[in-house]
Amino acid sequence: MTKPRSPKRSLARSAARLAAVQALYQQQMEGTVLAKLLNEFHQHRLGMEIDEAKFADAEVAFFDDLVRGVIARREEIDTLLSGRLAEGWTLARLDKTMLQILRAGTYELIARADVPLASAISEYVDVAKAFFDDREAKFVNGILDGIGKDAR
């Protein structure tokens, strides 16, 4: 029997997911080298206070795994995502933040069997709600649910 996660760990993982999406967005937009990107987030973002906004403490190892994993497996992830889009849609047509949410969620579904399927999907729906309306959050749910069912 698995031990239930502590609320603090759940919050730390939620913060790691949100930060990973932000890091992946930055990496795509600026082409930041992975080591520099991770260092910047470790030193200046995760658990820090910036302009009176407190960033939640994040599970750093989980954050690192998400960012490294998405970058390392981007081609495989993008193939899976492309297969789930409606006819006539491409990844290039997606909002860049939305794409990073879907990439991180897909990575977690295919590579992190330790995270329950429903939990992973729910977490990325919540991340989507931080940036978008319910319509887009439902889109994330649908895409990740399909990938999750195939992957697991």
Protein backbone atom coordinates (compact mmCIF):
# COMPACT_ATOMS: atom_id res chain seq x y z
CA MET A 1 0.00 0.00 0.00
CA THR A 2 1.34 3.44 -0.91
CA LYS A 3 1.63 6.12 1.70
CA PRO A 4 -0.63 9.14 1.11
CA ARG A 5 1.21 12.25 0.02
CA SER A 6 1.51 15.06 2.49
CA PRO A 7 -0.28 18.31 1.60
CA LYS A 8 3.11 20.08 1.70
CA ARG A 9 4.56 17.65 -0.87
CA SER A 10 1.49 18.04 -3.08
CA LEU A 11 1.86 21.83 -2.99
CA ALA A 12 5.59 21.52 -3.72
CA ARG A 13 4.86 19.34 -6.74
CA SER A 14 2.13 21.71 -7.96
CA ALA A 15 4.61 24.59 -7.69
CA ALA A 16 7.21 22.49 -9.55
CA ARG A 17 4.77 21.84 -12.40
CA LEU A 18 3.89 25.51 -12.78
CA ALA A 19 7.56 26.52 -12.66
CA ALA A 20 8.45 23.80 -15.19
CA VAL A 21 5.90 25.17 -17.65
CA GLN A 22 7.37 28.65 -17.16
CA ALA A 23 10.92 27.36 -17.62
CA LEU A 24 9.98 25.43 -20.76
CA TYR A 25 8.29 28.53 -22.16
CA GLN A 26 11.41 30.59 -21.46
CA GLN A 27 13.63 27.94 -23.00
CA GLN A 28 11.54 27.86 -26.18
CA MET A 29 11.31 31.64 -26.49
CA GLU A 30 14.92 32.48 -25.63
CA GLY A 31 16.76 29.24 -26.41
CA THR A 32 18.33 29.31 -22.94
CA VAL A 33 20.84 26.52 -22.36
CA LEU A 34 19.42 23.87 -20.02
CA ALA A 35 22.02 24.21 -17.25
CA LYS A 36 21.66 28.00 -17.21
CA LEU A 37 17.86 27.73 -17.23
CA LEU A 38 17.77 25.31 -14.29
CA ASN A 39 20.28 27.41 -12.35
CA GLU A 40 18.24 30.57 -12.91
CA PHE A 41 15.10 28.90 -11.57
CA HIS A 42 16.96 27.34 -8.62
CA GLN A 43 18.61 30.63 -7.65
CA HIS A 44 15.93 33.18 -8.47
CA ARG A 45 12.47 31.67 -8.78
CA LEU A 46 11.72 28.52 -6.80
CA GLY A 47 10.56 29.55 -3.33
CA MET A 48 11.75 33.14 -3.77
CA GLU A 49 9.99 36.43 -3.21
CA ILE A 50 10.05 38.78 -6.18
CA ASP A 51 8.33 42.18 -6.15
CA GLU A 52 6.42 41.13 -3.01
CA ALA A 53 5.07 38.02 -4.79
CA LYS A 54 6.11 34.85 -2.95
CA PHE A 55 6.87 31.91 -5.21
CA ALA A 56 5.79 28.65 -3.59
CA ASP A 57 8.46 26.22 -2.49
CA ALA A 58 8.80 23.67 -5.26
CA GLU A 59 10.11 20.13 -5.21
CA VAL A 60 13.36 20.91 -7.01
CA ALA A 61 14.20 17.35 -8.11
CA PHE A 62 10.71 16.97 -9.58
CA PHE A 63 10.99 20.34 -11.35
CA ASP A 64 14.38 19.35 -12.78
CA ASP A 65 13.04 16.01 -14.00
CA LEU A 66 10.08 17.65 -15.75
CA VAL A 67 12.21 20.26 -17.51
CA ARG A 68 15.03 17.88 -18.47
CA GLY A 69 12.58 15.15 -19.50
CA VAL A 70 10.49 17.38 -21.75
CA ILE A 71 13.58 18.78 -23.46
CA ALA A 72 15.17 15.34 -23.90
CA ARG A 73 12.00 13.71 -25.20
CA ARG A 74 10.47 16.67 -27.06
CA GLU A 75 10.27 14.89 -30.42
CA GLU A 76 8.47 11.87 -28.94
CA ILE A 77 6.16 14.13 -26.91
CA ASP A 78 5.35 16.32 -29.91
CA THR A 79 4.50 13.24 -31.98
CA LEU A 80 2.07 12.07 -29.30
CA LEU A 81 0.51 15.53 -29.05
CA SER A 82 0.22 15.96 -32.81
CA GLY A 83 -1.68 12.68 -32.98
CA ARG A 84 -4.28 14.07 -30.55
CA LEU A 85 -4.96 17.38 -32.29
CA ALA A 86 -8.00 17.87 -34.48
CA GLU A 87 -7.50 17.53 -38.23
CA GLY A 88 -5.90 20.63 -39.67
CA TRP A 89 -4.29 21.63 -36.36
CA THR A 90 -0.56 21.62 -35.74
CA LEU A 91 1.53 22.25 -32.66
CA ALA A 92 2.69 25.49 -34.26
CA ARG A 93 -0.89 26.80 -34.12
CA LEU A 94 -1.13 26.31 -30.37
CA ASP A 95 -0.47 29.13 -27.95
CA LYS A 96 3.15 28.74 -26.78
CA THR A 97 2.18 28.52 -23.10
CA MET A 98 -0.49 25.94 -23.93
CA LEU A 99 2.09 23.89 -25.81
CA GLN A 100 4.40 23.82 -22.77
CA ILE A 101 1.54 22.76 -20.49
CA LEU A 102 0.73 19.89 -22.85
CA ARG A 103 4.39 18.91 -23.22
CA ALA A 104 4.98 18.82 -19.46
CA GLY A 105 1.75 16.92 -18.87
CA THR A 106 2.56 14.41 -21.59
CA TYR A 107 6.04 13.85 -20.21
CA GLU A 108 4.63 13.20 -16.76
CA LEU A 109 2.10 10.73 -18.15
CA ILE A 110 4.64 8.74 -20.14
CA ALA A 111 7.63 8.93 -17.81
CA ARG A 112 6.35 9.28 -14.25
CA ALA A 113 4.39 6.14 -13.48
CA ASP A 114 4.77 7.05 -9.78
CA VAL A 115 2.21 9.83 -10.31
CA PRO A 116 -1.39 8.61 -10.63
CA LEU A 117 -2.93 9.31 -14.03
CA ALA A 118 -5.88 11.31 -12.69
CA SER A 119 -3.62 13.38 -10.43
CA ALA A 120 -1.27 14.32 -13.25
CA ILE A 121 -4.12 15.32 -15.56
CA SER A 122 -5.87 17.31 -12.83
CA GLU A 123 -2.65 19.14 -11.98
CA TYR A 124 -2.11 20.29 -15.57
CA VAL A 125 -5.76 21.32 -15.88
CA ASP A 126 -5.07 23.52 -12.84
CA VAL A 127 -1.91 24.90 -14.47
CA ALA A 128 -3.96 25.70 -17.58
CA LYS A 129 -6.50 27.55 -15.43
CA ALA A 130 -3.67 29.77 -14.16
CA PHE A 131 -3.19 31.05 -17.72
CA PHE A 132 -6.44 30.40 -19.59
CA ASP A 133 -10.21 30.09 -19.30
CA ASP A 134 -12.22 26.92 -18.69
CA ARG A 135 -12.45 26.18 -22.41
CA GLU A 136 -8.70 25.79 -22.72
CA ALA A 137 -8.52 23.86 -19.43
CA LYS A 138 -11.04 21.39 -20.88
CA PHE A 139 -8.86 21.12 -23.98
CA VAL A 140 -5.87 20.19 -21.78
CA ASN A 141 -8.02 17.63 -19.98
CA GLY A 142 -9.12 16.02 -23.25
CA ILE A 143 -5.66 15.85 -24.80
CA LEU A 144 -3.93 14.53 -21.68
CA ASP A 145 -6.72 12.06 -20.92
CA GLY A 146 -6.28 10.52 -24.39
CA ILE A 147 -2.51 10.38 -24.07
CA GLY A 148 -2.76 8.95 -20.57
CA LYS A 149 -5.09 6.16 -21.63
CA ASP A 150 -2.72 5.19 -24.44
CA ALA A 151 0.42 5.51 -22.33
CA ARG A 152 -0.77 3.56 -19.32
